[in-house]
Amino acid sequence: MDQRISQYPPADYEIPRPKNFDKMLEFASLLSKGFAHVRVDFYEVRGKLYFEEMTFTSESGLTRANPMEFELEMGEWLVLPAKSEIPRIK
């Protein structure tokens, strides 16, 4: 079953692991704390690590999963925090 969301096919060659991959994971873990869903983007140029952005809606929420049942499966992975009160300004 094809569970890719992207319109782009997977690479047919080996993509080397970035030199700073472990740091990317560490920083992404720190930056994403407290968010139910966020993608943290980095890139590496000549061995130097750069932070790019944090994205809260993958593909702007416009891309559909293939097959459609995968959308339900991905939704089941998401664990939302408990509902909390909105602070009132007095």
PDB file of N, CA and C in Angstrom:
ATOM      1  N   MET A   1       0.843  -1.182   0.000  1.00  0.00           N
ATOM      2  CA  MET A   1       0.000   0.000   0.000  1.00  0.00           C
ATOM      3  C   MET A   1       0.892   1.250   0.000  1.00  0.00           C
ATOM      4  N   ASP A   2       0.693   2.132  -0.950  1.00  0.00           N
ATOM      5  CA  ASP A   2       1.496   3.346  -1.083  1.00  0.00           C
ATOM      6  C   ASP A   2       0.992   4.397  -0.099  1.00  0.00           C
ATOM      7  N   GLN A   3       1.841   4.784   0.874  1.00  0.00           N
ATOM      8  CA  GLN A   3       1.412   5.740   1.893  1.00  0.00           C
ATOM      9  C   GLN A   3       2.153   7.066   1.774  1.00  0.00           C
ATOM     10  N   ARG A   4       2.670   7.365   0.595  1.00  0.00           N
ATOM     11  CA  ARG A   4       3.322   8.653   0.398  1.00  0.00           C
ATOM     12  C   ARG A   4       2.286   9.751   0.269  1.00  0.00           C
ATOM     13  N   ILE A   5       2.601  10.897   0.811  1.00  0.00           N
ATOM     14  CA  ILE A   5       1.721  12.058   0.693  1.00  0.00           C
ATOM     15  C   ILE A   5       2.226  12.961  -0.422  1.00  0.00           C
ATOM     16  N   SER A   6       3.524  13.064  -0.570  1.00  0.00           N
ATOM     17  CA  SER A   6       4.125  13.997  -1.514  1.00  0.00           C
ATOM     18  C   SER A   6       3.841  13.601  -2.949  1.00  0.00           C
ATOM     19  N   GLN A   7       3.809  14.608  -3.814  1.00  0.00           N
ATOM     20  CA  GLN A   7       3.634  14.360  -5.246  1.00  0.00           C
ATOM     21  C   GLN A   7       4.937  13.904  -5.895  1.00  0.00           C
ATOM     22  N   TYR A   8       6.043  13.976  -5.144  1.00  0.00           N
ATOM     23  CA  TYR A   8       7.343  13.624  -5.693  1.00  0.00           C
ATOM     24  C   TYR A   8       7.684  12.180  -5.355  1.00  0.00           C
ATOM     25  N   PRO A   9       8.173  11.434  -6.324  1.00  0.00           N
ATOM     26  CA  PRO A   9       8.545  10.034  -6.047  1.00  0.00           C
ATOM     27  C   PRO A   9       9.799   9.979  -5.177  1.00  0.00           C
ATOM     28  N   PRO A  10       9.986   8.863  -4.464  1.00  0.00           N
ATOM     29  CA  PRO A  10      11.202   8.726  -3.657  1.00  0.00           C
ATOM     30  C   PRO A  10      12.432   8.673  -4.569  1.00  0.00           C
ATOM     31  N   ALA A  11      13.567   9.098  -4.037  1.00  0.00           N
ATOM     32  CA  ALA A  11      14.821   9.073  -4.808  1.00  0.00           C
ATOM     33  C   ALA A  11      15.187   7.629  -5.120  1.00  0.00           C
ATOM     34  N   ASP A  12      15.756   7.420  -6.283  1.00  0.00           N
ATOM     35  CA  ASP A  12      16.188   6.074  -6.659  1.00  0.00           C
ATOM     36  C   ASP A  12      17.688   5.897  -6.432  1.00  0.00           C
ATOM     37  N   TYR A  13      18.242   6.717  -5.529  1.00  0.00           N
ATOM     38  CA  TYR A  13      19.657   6.623  -5.167  1.00  0.00           C
ATOM     39  C   TYR A  13      19.792   6.918  -3.676  1.00  0.00           C
ATOM     40  N   GLU A  14      20.912   6.541  -3.113  1.00  0.00           N
ATOM     41  CA  GLU A  14      21.171   6.732  -1.690  1.00  0.00           C
ATOM     42  C   GLU A  14      21.481   8.204  -1.401  1.00  0.00           C
ATOM     43  N   ILE A  15      20.758   8.789  -0.466  1.00  0.00           N
ATOM     44  CA  ILE A  15      21.017  10.171  -0.056  1.00  0.00           C
ATOM     45  C   ILE A  15      21.864  10.111   1.207  1.00  0.00           C
ATOM     46  N   PRO A  16      23.067  10.725   1.187  1.00  0.00           N
ATOM     47  CA  PRO A  16      23.933  10.625   2.364  1.00  0.00           C
ATOM     48  C   PRO A  16      23.338  11.334   3.580  1.00  0.00           C
ATOM     49  N   ARG A  17      23.545  10.752   4.726  1.00  0.00           N
ATOM     50  CA  ARG A  17      23.077  11.332   5.990  1.00  0.00           C
ATOM     51  C   ARG A  17      23.872  12.617   6.257  1.00  0.00           C
ATOM     52  N   PRO A  18      23.192  13.725   6.623  1.00  0.00           N
ATOM     53  CA  PRO A  18      23.931  14.957   6.914  1.00  0.00           C
ATOM     54  C   PRO A  18      24.903  14.765   8.078  1.00  0.00           C
ATOM     55  N   LYS A  19      26.012  15.446   8.025  1.00  0.00           N
ATOM     56  CA  LYS A  19      27.033  15.376   9.076  1.00  0.00           C
ATOM     57  C   LYS A  19      26.418  15.739  10.435  1.00  0.00           C
ATOM     58  N   ASN A  20      25.527  16.721  10.454  1.00  0.00           N
ATOM     59  CA  ASN A  20      24.931  17.220  11.695  1.00  0.00           C
ATOM     60  C   ASN A  20      23.548  16.623  11.996  1.00  0.00           C
ATOM     61  N   PHE A  21      23.260  15.450  11.467  1.00  0.00           N
ATOM     62  CA  PHE A  21      21.928  14.861  11.628  1.00  0.00           C
ATOM     63  C   PHE A  21      21.527  14.706  13.102  1.00  0.00           C
ATOM     64  N   ASP A  22      22.436  14.233  13.949  1.00  0.00           N
ATOM     65  CA  ASP A  22      22.107  14.054  15.366  1.00  0.00           C
ATOM     66  C   ASP A  22      21.779  15.394  16.032  1.00  0.00           C
ATOM     67  N   LYS A  23      22.504  16.452  15.661  1.00  0.00           N
ATOM     68  CA  LYS A  23      22.205  17.786  16.192  1.00  0.00           C
ATOM     69  C   LYS A  23      20.842  18.268  15.689  1.00  0.00           C
ATOM     70  N   MET A  24      20.514  17.969  14.425  1.00  0.00           N
ATOM     71  CA  MET A  24      19.203  18.339  13.884  1.00  0.00           C
ATOM     72  C   MET A  24      18.102  17.712  14.728  1.00  0.00           C
ATOM     73  N   LEU A  25      18.246  16.426  15.034  1.00  0.00           N
ATOM     74  CA  LEU A  25      17.248  15.738  15.852  1.00  0.00           C
ATOM     75  C   LEU A  25      17.159  16.338  17.251  1.00  0.00           C
ATOM     76  N   GLU A  26      18.304  16.634  17.836  1.00  0.00           N
ATOM     77  CA  GLU A  26      18.337  17.225  19.178  1.00  0.00           C
ATOM     78  C   GLU A  26      17.639  18.587  19.189  1.00  0.00           C
ATOM     79  N   PHE A  27      18.004  19.447  18.246  1.00  0.00           N
ATOM     80  CA  PHE A  27      17.414  20.789  18.203  1.00  0.00           C
ATOM     81  C   PHE A  27      15.924  20.735  17.847  1.00  0.00           C
ATOM     82  N   ALA A  28      15.550  19.845  16.943  1.00  0.00           N
ATOM     83  CA  ALA A  28      14.136  19.713  16.575  1.00  0.00           C
ATOM     84  C   ALA A  28      13.322  19.267  17.782  1.00  0.00           C
ATOM     85  N   SER A  29      13.869  18.384  18.577  1.00  0.00           N
ATOM     86  CA  SER A  29      13.181  17.927  19.785  1.00  0.00           C
ATOM     87  C   SER A  29      12.973  19.083  20.763  1.00  0.00           C
ATOM     88  N   LEU A  30      13.987  19.902  20.945  1.00  0.00           N
ATOM     89  CA  LEU A  30      13.888  21.057  21.855  1.00  0.00           C
ATOM     90  C   LEU A  30      12.901  22.098  21.324  1.00  0.00           C
ATOM     91  N   LEU A  31      13.003  22.427  20.038  1.00  0.00           N
ATOM     92  CA  LEU A  31      12.154  23.465  19.460  1.00  0.00           C
ATOM     93  C   LEU A  31      10.681  23.054  19.366  1.00  0.00           C
ATOM     94  N   SER A  32      10.424  21.770  19.238  1.00  0.00           N
ATOM     95  CA  SER A  32       9.048  21.303  19.051  1.00  0.00           C
ATOM     96  C   SER A  32       8.317  21.000  20.358  1.00  0.00           C
ATOM     97  N   LYS A  33       9.004  21.110  21.478  1.00  0.00           N
ATOM     98  CA  LYS A  33       8.355  20.834  22.774  1.00  0.00           C
ATOM     99  C   LYS A  33       7.120  21.701  22.955  1.00  0.00           C
ATOM    100  N   GLY A  34       6.030  21.063  23.383  1.00  0.00           N
ATOM    101  CA  GLY A  34       4.807  21.797  23.661  1.00  0.00           C
ATOM    102  C   GLY A  34       3.863  21.927  22.481  1.00  0.00           C
ATOM    103  N   PHE A  35       4.285  21.516  21.300  1.00  0.00           N
ATOM    104  CA  PHE A  35       3.425  21.580  20.122  1.00  0.00           C
ATOM    105  C   PHE A  35       2.887  20.186  19.807  1.00  0.00           C
ATOM    106  N   ALA A  36       1.596  20.094  19.487  1.00  0.00           N
ATOM    107  CA  ALA A  36       1.010  18.804  19.127  1.00  0.00           C
ATOM    108  C   ALA A  36       1.547  18.308  17.790  1.00  0.00           C
ATOM    109  N   HIS A  37       1.825  19.240  16.872  1.00  0.00           N
ATOM    110  CA  HIS A  37       2.338  18.865  15.548  1.00  0.00           C
ATOM    111  C   HIS A  37       3.130  20.037  14.986  1.00  0.00           C
ATOM    112  N   VAL A  38       4.355  19.800  14.620  1.00  0.00           N
ATOM    113  CA  VAL A  38       5.168  20.815  13.954  1.00  0.00           C
ATOM    114  C   VAL A  38       6.319  20.116  13.240  1.00  0.00           C
ATOM    115  N   ARG A  39       6.654  20.635  12.061  1.00  0.00           N
ATOM    116  CA  ARG A  39       7.826  20.149  11.337  1.00  0.00           C
ATOM    117  C   ARG A  39       8.920  21.194  11.515  1.00  0.00           C
ATOM    118  N   VAL A  40      10.103  20.781  11.942  1.00  0.00           N
ATOM    119  CA  VAL A  40      11.222  21.698  12.154  1.00  0.00           C
ATOM    120  C   VAL A  40      12.239  21.426  11.049  1.00  0.00           C
ATOM    121  N   ASP A  41      12.518  22.456  10.246  1.00  0.00           N
ATOM    122  CA  ASP A  41      13.389  22.293   9.088  1.00  0.00           C
ATOM    123  C   ASP A  41      14.783  22.869   9.325  1.00  0.00           C
ATOM    124  N   PHE A  42      15.767  22.091   8.921  1.00  0.00           N
ATOM    125  CA  PHE A  42      17.167  22.504   8.952  1.00  0.00           C
ATOM    126  C   PHE A  42      17.761  22.229   7.583  1.00  0.00           C
ATOM    127  N   TYR A  43      18.867  22.839   7.311  1.00  0.00           N
ATOM    128  CA  TYR A  43      19.667  22.436   6.164  1.00  0.00           C
ATOM    129  C   TYR A  43      21.134  22.570   6.526  1.00  0.00           C
ATOM    130  N   GLU A  44      21.959  21.902   5.756  1.00  0.00           N
ATOM    131  CA  GLU A  44      23.387  21.866   6.039  1.00  0.00           C
ATOM    132  C   GLU A  44      24.135  22.265   4.772  1.00  0.00           C
ATOM    133  N   VAL A  45      25.030  23.238   4.914  1.00  0.00           N
ATOM    134  CA  VAL A  45      25.844  23.690   3.785  1.00  0.00           C
ATOM    135  C   VAL A  45      27.301  23.624   4.209  1.00  0.00           C
ATOM    136  N   ARG A  46      28.071  22.856   3.459  1.00  0.00           N
ATOM    137  CA  ARG A  46      29.511  22.691   3.742  1.00  0.00           C
ATOM    138  C   ARG A  46      29.759  22.332   5.207  1.00  0.00           C
ATOM    139  N   GLY A  47      28.928  21.443   5.727  1.00  0.00           N
ATOM    140  CA  GLY A  47      29.102  20.951   7.089  1.00  0.00           C
ATOM    141  C   GLY A  47      28.570  21.867   8.172  1.00  0.00           C
ATOM    142  N   LYS A  48      28.001  23.011   7.801  1.00  0.00           N
ATOM    143  CA  LYS A  48      27.464  23.949   8.787  1.00  0.00           C
ATOM    144  C   LYS A  48      25.934  23.821   8.836  1.00  0.00           C
ATOM    145  N   LEU A  49      25.402  23.755  10.058  1.00  0.00           N
ATOM    146  CA  LEU A  49      23.981  23.545  10.272  1.00  0.00           C
ATOM    147  C   LEU A  49      23.239  24.879  10.326  1.00  0.00           C
ATOM    148  N   TYR A  50      22.099  24.944   9.629  1.00  0.00           N
ATOM    149  CA  TYR A  50      21.257  26.138   9.624  1.00  0.00           C
ATOM    150  C   TYR A  50      19.819  25.745   9.971  1.00  0.00           C
ATOM    151  N   PHE A  51      19.178  26.556  10.807  1.00  0.00           N
ATOM    152  CA  PHE A  51      17.754  26.394  11.096  1.00  0.00           C
ATOM    153  C   PHE A  51      17.001  27.178  10.036  1.00  0.00           C
ATOM    154  N   GLU A  52      15.939  26.559   9.471  1.00  0.00           N
ATOM    155  CA  GLU A  52      15.173  27.257   8.446  1.00  0.00           C
ATOM    156  C   GLU A  52      13.833  27.743   8.987  1.00  0.00           C
ATOM    157  N   GLU A  53      12.953  26.825   9.396  1.00  0.00           N
ATOM    158  CA  GLU A  53      11.621  27.233   9.822  1.00  0.00           C
ATOM    159  C   GLU A  53      10.918  26.137  10.596  1.00  0.00           C
ATOM    160  N   MET A  54       9.804  26.528  11.205  1.00  0.00           N
ATOM    161  CA  MET A  54       8.894  25.572  11.848  1.00  0.00           C
ATOM    162  C   MET A  54       7.560  25.685  11.108  1.00  0.00           C
ATOM    163  N   THR A  55       7.026  24.554  10.676  1.00  0.00           N
ATOM    164  CA  THR A  55       5.802  24.530   9.884  1.00  0.00           C
ATOM    165  C   THR A  55       4.725  23.793  10.660  1.00  0.00           C
ATOM    166  N   PHE A  56       3.587  24.439  10.818  1.00  0.00           N
ATOM    167  CA  PHE A  56       2.506  23.880  11.627  1.00  0.00           C
ATOM    168  C   PHE A  56       1.408  23.237  10.792  1.00  0.00           C
ATOM    169  N   THR A  57       1.424  23.427   9.489  1.00  0.00           N
ATOM    170  CA  THR A  57       0.462  22.771   8.601  1.00  0.00           C
ATOM    171  C   THR A  57       1.237  22.202   7.418  1.00  0.00           C
ATOM    172  N   SER A  58       1.448  20.904   7.433  1.00  0.00           N
ATOM    173  CA  SER A  58       2.199  20.252   6.356  1.00  0.00           C
ATOM    174  C   SER A  58       1.524  20.491   5.014  1.00  0.00           C
ATOM    175  N   GLU A  59       2.298  20.879   4.027  1.00  0.00           N
ATOM    176  CA  GLU A  59       1.815  21.121   2.665  1.00  0.00           C
ATOM    177  C   GLU A  59       0.638  22.095   2.654  1.00  0.00           C
ATOM    178  N   SER A  60       0.614  23.008   3.625  1.00  0.00           N
ATOM    179  CA  SER A  60      -0.464  24.005   3.790  1.00  0.00           C
ATOM    180  C   SER A  60      -1.836  23.351   3.943  1.00  0.00           C
ATOM    181  N   GLY A  61      -1.845  22.077   4.311  1.00  0.00           N
ATOM    182  CA  GLY A  61      -3.101  21.364   4.484  1.00  0.00           C
ATOM    183  C   GLY A  61      -3.824  21.069   3.182  1.00  0.00           C
ATOM    184  N   LEU A  62      -3.138  21.207   2.050  1.00  0.00           N
ATOM    185  CA  LEU A  62      -3.790  21.066   0.743  1.00  0.00           C
ATOM    186  C   LEU A  62      -3.587  19.715   0.072  1.00  0.00           C
ATOM    187  N   THR A  63      -2.537  18.978   0.456  1.00  0.00           N
ATOM    188  CA  THR A  63      -2.233  17.707  -0.201  1.00  0.00           C
ATOM    189  C   THR A  63      -3.023  16.579   0.441  1.00  0.00           C
ATOM    190  N   ARG A  64      -3.556  15.704  -0.369  1.00  0.00           N
ATOM    191  CA  ARG A  64      -4.328  14.556   0.104  1.00  0.00           C
ATOM    192  C   ARG A  64      -3.422  13.331   0.170  1.00  0.00           C
ATOM    193  N   ALA A  65      -3.683  12.471   1.146  1.00  0.00           N
ATOM    194  CA  ALA A  65      -2.913  11.225   1.273  1.00  0.00           C
ATOM    195  C   ALA A  65      -3.377  10.232   0.221  1.00  0.00           C
ATOM    196  N   ASN A  66      -2.480   9.329  -0.126  1.00  0.00           N
ATOM    197  CA  ASN A  66      -2.816   8.273  -1.074  1.00  0.00           C
ATOM    198  C   ASN A  66      -2.345   6.951  -0.498  1.00  0.00           C
ATOM    199  N   PRO A  67      -3.223   6.054  -0.109  1.00  0.00           N
ATOM    200  CA  PRO A  67      -4.683   6.114  -0.229  1.00  0.00           C
ATOM    201  C   PRO A  67      -5.303   7.002   0.856  1.00  0.00           C
ATOM    202  N   MET A  68      -6.549   7.372   0.670  1.00  0.00           N
ATOM    203  CA  MET A  68      -7.247   8.270   1.590  1.00  0.00           C
ATOM    204  C   MET A  68      -7.283   7.722   3.025  1.00  0.00           C
ATOM    205  N   GLU A  69      -7.305   6.406   3.194  1.00  0.00           N
ATOM    206  CA  GLU A  69      -7.350   5.812   4.536  1.00  0.00           C
ATOM    207  C   GLU A  69      -6.131   6.210   5.369  1.00  0.00           C
ATOM    208  N   PHE A  70      -5.050   6.583   4.689  1.00  0.00           N
ATOM    209  CA  PHE A  70      -3.843   6.986   5.403  1.00  0.00           C
ATOM    210  C   PHE A  70      -4.062   8.278   6.179  1.00  0.00           C
ATOM    211  N   GLU A  71      -4.978   9.149   5.726  1.00  0.00           N
ATOM    212  CA  GLU A  71      -5.274  10.375   6.476  1.00  0.00           C
ATOM    213  C   GLU A  71      -5.826  10.030   7.858  1.00  0.00           C
ATOM    214  N   LEU A  72      -6.707   9.051   7.928  1.00  0.00           N
ATOM    215  CA  LEU A  72      -7.243   8.612   9.215  1.00  0.00           C
ATOM    216  C   LEU A  72      -6.128   8.028  10.075  1.00  0.00           C
ATOM    217  N   GLU A  73      -5.265   7.223   9.475  1.00  0.00           N
ATOM    218  CA  GLU A  73      -4.158   6.627  10.225  1.00  0.00           C
ATOM    219  C   GLU A  73      -3.242   7.713  10.797  1.00  0.00           C
ATOM    220  N   MET A  74      -2.905   8.717   9.999  1.00  0.00           N
ATOM    221  CA  MET A  74      -2.053   9.806  10.486  1.00  0.00           C
ATOM    222  C   MET A  74      -2.760  10.584  11.596  1.00  0.00           C
ATOM    223  N   GLY A  75      -4.054  10.801  11.454  1.00  0.00           N
ATOM    224  CA  GLY A  75      -4.812  11.496  12.491  1.00  0.00           C
ATOM    225  C   GLY A  75      -4.794  10.751  13.808  1.00  0.00           C
ATOM    226  N   GLU A  76      -4.776   9.430  13.747  1.00  0.00           N
ATOM    227  CA  GLU A  76      -4.731   8.629  14.969  1.00  0.00           C
ATOM    228  C   GLU A  76      -3.370   8.722  15.658  1.00  0.00           C
ATOM    229  N   TRP A  77      -2.327   9.106  14.921  1.00  0.00           N
ATOM    230  CA  TRP A  77      -1.005   9.284  15.519  1.00  0.00           C
ATOM    231  C   TRP A  77      -0.955  10.556  16.362  1.00  0.00           C
ATOM    232  N   LEU A  78      -1.794  11.529  16.051  1.00  0.00           N
ATOM    233  CA  LEU A  78      -1.752  12.836  16.699  1.00  0.00           C
ATOM    234  C   LEU A  78      -2.422  12.783  18.067  1.00  0.00           C
ATOM    235  N   VAL A  79      -1.678  13.157  19.082  1.00  0.00           N
ATOM    236  CA  VAL A  79      -2.215  13.207  20.444  1.00  0.00           C
ATOM    237  C   VAL A  79      -2.277  14.674  20.852  1.00  0.00           C
ATOM    238  N   LEU A  80      -3.488  15.196  21.007  1.00  0.00           N
ATOM    239  CA  LEU A  80      -3.660  16.594  21.377  1.00  0.00           C
ATOM    240  C   LEU A  80      -3.560  16.754  22.885  1.00  0.00           C
ATOM    241  N   PRO A  81      -3.079  17.903  23.342  1.00  0.00           N
ATOM    242  CA  PRO A  81      -3.000  18.135  24.790  1.00  0.00           C
ATOM    243  C   PRO A  81      -4.397  18.298  25.376  1.00  0.00           C
ATOM    244  N   ALA A  82      -4.494  18.161  26.695  1.00  0.00           N
ATOM    245  CA  ALA A  82      -5.765  18.345  27.375  1.00  0.00           C
ATOM    246  C   ALA A  82      -6.251  19.768  27.156  1.00  0.00           C
ATOM    247  N   LYS A  83      -7.566  19.938  27.102  1.00  0.00           N
ATOM    248  CA  LYS A  83      -8.162  21.262  26.931  1.00  0.00           C
ATOM    249  C   LYS A  83      -7.803  22.126  28.133  1.00  0.00           C
ATOM    250  N   SER A  84      -7.447  23.379  27.879  1.00  0.00           N
ATOM    251  CA  SER A  84      -7.097  24.263  28.972  1.00  0.00           C
ATOM    252  C   SER A  84      -7.906  25.561  28.873  1.00  0.00           C
ATOM    253  N   GLU A  85      -8.030  26.239  29.966  1.00  0.00           N
ATOM    254  CA  GLU A  85      -8.756  27.510  30.014  1.00  0.00           C
ATOM    255  C   GLU A  85      -7.960  28.586  29.272  1.00  0.00           C
ATOM    256  N   ILE A  86      -8.665  29.466  28.611  1.00  0.00           N
ATOM    257  CA  ILE A  86      -8.033  30.621  27.984  1.00  0.00           C
ATOM    258  C   ILE A  86      -7.927  31.698  29.062  1.00  0.00           C
ATOM    259  N   PRO A  87      -6.739  32.211  29.299  1.00  0.00           N
ATOM    260  CA  PRO A  87      -6.592  33.226  30.353  1.00  0.00           C
ATOM    261  C   PRO A  87      -7.457  34.451  30.051  1.00  0.00           C
ATOM    262  N   ARG A  88      -8.094  34.980  31.043  1.00  0.00           N
ATOM    263  CA  ARG A  88      -8.942  36.164  30.896  1.00  0.00           C
ATOM    264  C   ARG A  88      -8.145  37.398  31.316  1.00  0.00           C
ATOM    265  N   ILE A  89      -8.244  38.443  30.519  1.00  0.00           N
ATOM    266  CA  ILE A  89      -7.583  39.705  30.858  1.00  0.00           C
ATOM    267  C   ILE A  89      -8.576  40.533  31.665  1.00  0.00           C
ATOM    268  N   LYS A  90      -8.136  41.006  32.811  1.00  0.00           N
ATOM    269  CA  LYS A  90      -9.028  41.766  33.691  1.00  0.00           C
ATOM    270  C   LYS A  90      -8.842  43.243  33.521  1.00  0.00           C
TER     271      LYS A  90
END
